[in-house]
C-alpha atoms as a PDB file:
ATOM      1  CA  MET A   1     -31.196 -51.558 133.799  1.00  0.00           C
ATOM      2  CA  MET A   2     -34.542 -50.010 132.994  1.00  0.00           C
ATOM      3  CA  PRO A   3     -34.024 -47.027 130.678  1.00  0.00           C
ATOM      4  CA  GLU A   4     -36.687 -44.307 130.648  1.00  0.00           C
ATOM      5  CA  THR A   5     -38.170 -45.642 133.907  1.00  0.00           C
ATOM      6  CA  ASP A   6     -38.556 -43.510 137.006  1.00  0.00           C
ATOM      7  CA  LEU A   7     -37.551 -44.721 140.454  1.00  0.00           C
ATOM      8  CA  ALA A   8     -41.128 -45.378 141.632  1.00  0.00           C
ATOM      9  CA  VAL A   9     -41.959 -47.605 138.650  1.00  0.00           C
ATOM     10  CA  ALA A  10     -38.629 -49.438 138.919  1.00  0.00           C
ATOM     11  CA  THR A  11     -39.318 -50.045 142.615  1.00  0.00           C
ATOM     12  CA  MET A  12     -42.780 -51.475 141.866  1.00  0.00           C
ATOM     13  CA  PHE A  13     -41.338 -53.750 139.175  1.00  0.00           C
ATOM     14  CA  ALA A  14     -38.579 -54.959 141.522  1.00  0.00           C
ATOM     15  CA  GLU A  15     -41.124 -55.649 144.266  1.00  0.00           C
ATOM     16  CA  ARG A  16     -43.214 -57.781 141.879  1.00  0.00           C
ATOM     17  CA  LEU A  17     -40.067 -59.674 140.889  1.00  0.00           C
ATOM     18  CA  ARG A  18     -39.104 -60.188 144.549  1.00  0.00           C
ATOM     19  CA  ARG A  19     -42.549 -61.544 145.408  1.00  0.00           C
ATOM     20  CA  ARG A  20     -42.596 -63.848 142.390  1.00  0.00           C
ATOM     21  CA  ILE A  21     -39.207 -65.355 143.259  1.00  0.00           C
ATOM     22  CA  ALA A  22     -40.222 -65.831 146.904  1.00  0.00           C
ATOM     23  CA  SER A  23     -43.451 -67.568 145.845  1.00  0.00           C
ATOM     24  CA  GLU A  24     -41.701 -70.282 143.820  1.00  0.00           C
ATOM     25  CA  PRO A  25     -39.691 -72.675 146.021  1.00  0.00           C
ATOM     26  CA  ILE A  26     -37.137 -74.704 144.080  1.00  0.00           C
ATOM     27  CA  PRO A  27     -37.784 -78.453 144.399  1.00  0.00           C
ATOM     28  CA  ILE A  28     -34.858 -80.683 145.255  1.00  0.00           C
ATOM     29  CA  GLN A  29     -34.648 -83.621 142.875  1.00  0.00           C
ATOM     30  CA  GLN A  30     -35.377 -87.016 144.398  1.00  0.00           C
ATOM     31  CA  SER A  31     -36.623 -85.385 147.586  1.00  0.00           C
ATOM     32  CA  ALA A  32     -39.859 -84.038 148.995  1.00  0.00           C
ATOM     33  CA  SER A  33     -37.968 -80.930 150.116  1.00  0.00           C
ATOM     34  CA  SER A  34     -37.603 -77.598 148.415  1.00  0.00           C
ATOM     35  CA  ILE A  35     -35.448 -74.524 148.844  1.00  0.00           C
ATOM     36  CA  GLU A  36     -37.083 -71.172 149.451  1.00  0.00           C
ATOM     37  CA  VAL A  37     -35.314 -68.383 147.611  1.00  0.00           C
ATOM     38  CA  THR A  38     -35.431 -64.702 148.490  1.00  0.00           C
ATOM     39  CA  ILE A  39     -33.724 -61.671 147.006  1.00  0.00           C
ATOM     40  CA  SER A  40     -32.797 -58.191 148.097  1.00  0.00           C
ATOM     41  CA  ILE A  41     -32.698 -55.442 145.481  1.00  0.00           C
ATOM     42  CA  GLY A  42     -31.150 -51.982 145.633  1.00  0.00           C
ATOM     43  CA  ILE A  43     -32.381 -49.399 143.127  1.00  0.00           C
ATOM     44  CA  ALA A  44     -30.829 -46.129 141.969  1.00  0.00           C
ATOM     45  CA  GLY A  45     -31.909 -43.630 139.339  1.00  0.00           C
ATOM     46  CA  LEU A  46     -29.726 -41.971 136.745  1.00  0.00           C
ATOM     47  CA  GLY A  47     -29.234 -38.237 137.246  1.00  0.00           C
ATOM     48  CA  GLY A  48     -27.789 -35.621 134.933  1.00  0.00           C
ATOM     49  CA  ALA A  49     -24.237 -35.715 136.320  1.00  0.00           C
ATOM     50  CA  ASP A  50     -24.134 -39.498 136.802  1.00  0.00           C
ATOM     51  CA  ASN A  51     -21.973 -42.075 135.137  1.00  0.00           C
ATOM     52  CA  ALA A  52     -22.229 -45.861 135.376  1.00  0.00           C
ATOM     53  CA  ALA A  53     -19.957 -46.036 138.415  1.00  0.00           C
ATOM     54  CA  SER A  54     -21.922 -43.482 140.448  1.00  0.00           C
ATOM     55  CA  VAL A  55     -25.290 -45.122 139.719  1.00  0.00           C
ATOM     56  CA  LEU A  56     -23.967 -48.584 140.553  1.00  0.00           C
ATOM     57  CA  LYS A  57     -22.439 -47.257 143.779  1.00  0.00           C
ATOM     58  CA  ARG A  58     -25.808 -45.857 144.929  1.00  0.00           C
ATOM     59  CA  ALA A  59     -27.630 -49.046 143.920  1.00  0.00           C
ATOM     60  CA  ASP A  60     -25.051 -51.062 145.857  1.00  0.00           C
ATOM     61  CA  GLN A  61     -25.547 -48.851 148.925  1.00  0.00           C
ATOM     62  CA  ALA A  62     -29.320 -49.398 148.680  1.00  0.00           C
ATOM     63  CA  LEU A  63     -28.744 -53.153 148.382  1.00  0.00           C
ATOM     64  CA  TYR A  64     -26.672 -53.177 151.564  1.00  0.00           C
ATOM     65  CA  ARG A  65     -29.437 -51.220 153.341  1.00  0.00           C
ATOM     66  CA  ALA A  66     -31.915 -53.889 152.216  1.00  0.00           C
ATOM     67  CA  LYS A  67     -29.702 -56.624 153.616  1.00  0.00           C
ATOM     68  CA  ARG A  68     -29.057 -54.741 156.853  1.00  0.00           C
ATOM     69  CA  ASP A  69     -32.772 -54.047 157.344  1.00  0.00           C
ATOM     70  CA  GLY A  70     -33.760 -57.699 157.167  1.00  0.00           C
ATOM     71  CA  ARG A  71     -33.155 -58.972 153.646  1.00  0.00           C
ATOM     72  CA  ASN A  72     -35.799 -60.085 151.140  1.00  0.00           C
ATOM     73  CA  ARG A  73     -36.806 -56.537 150.326  1.00  0.00           C
ATOM     74  CA  VAL A  74     -36.551 -53.790 147.726  1.00  0.00           C
ATOM     75  CA  VAL A  75     -34.843 -50.558 148.758  1.00  0.00           C
ATOM     76  CA  PRO A  76     -34.600 -47.507 146.493  1.00  0.00           C
ATOM     77  CA  GLU A  77     -31.696 -45.118 146.955  1.00  0.00           C
ATOM     78  CA  ALA A  78     -32.051 -42.540 149.704  1.00  0.00           C
ATOM     79  CA  ALA A  79     -33.617 -39.304 148.516  1.00  0.00           C
END
């Protein structure tokens, strides 16, 4: 949740977060290996007639688009 933040700014923030997570592999203890972590993020904005359920539904739909389109990406809700 990012109150008082428009969709474009929230998308930029989420993209920075996604890149940061992808740039920090998690080392496996007692091993030379590491695990690369990626995330997909769906973003929705709050409109005048929205409630929590409707915003979360649109964010969830955007998340599934991100996963369907290749994962490891940020997808704002469809305009």
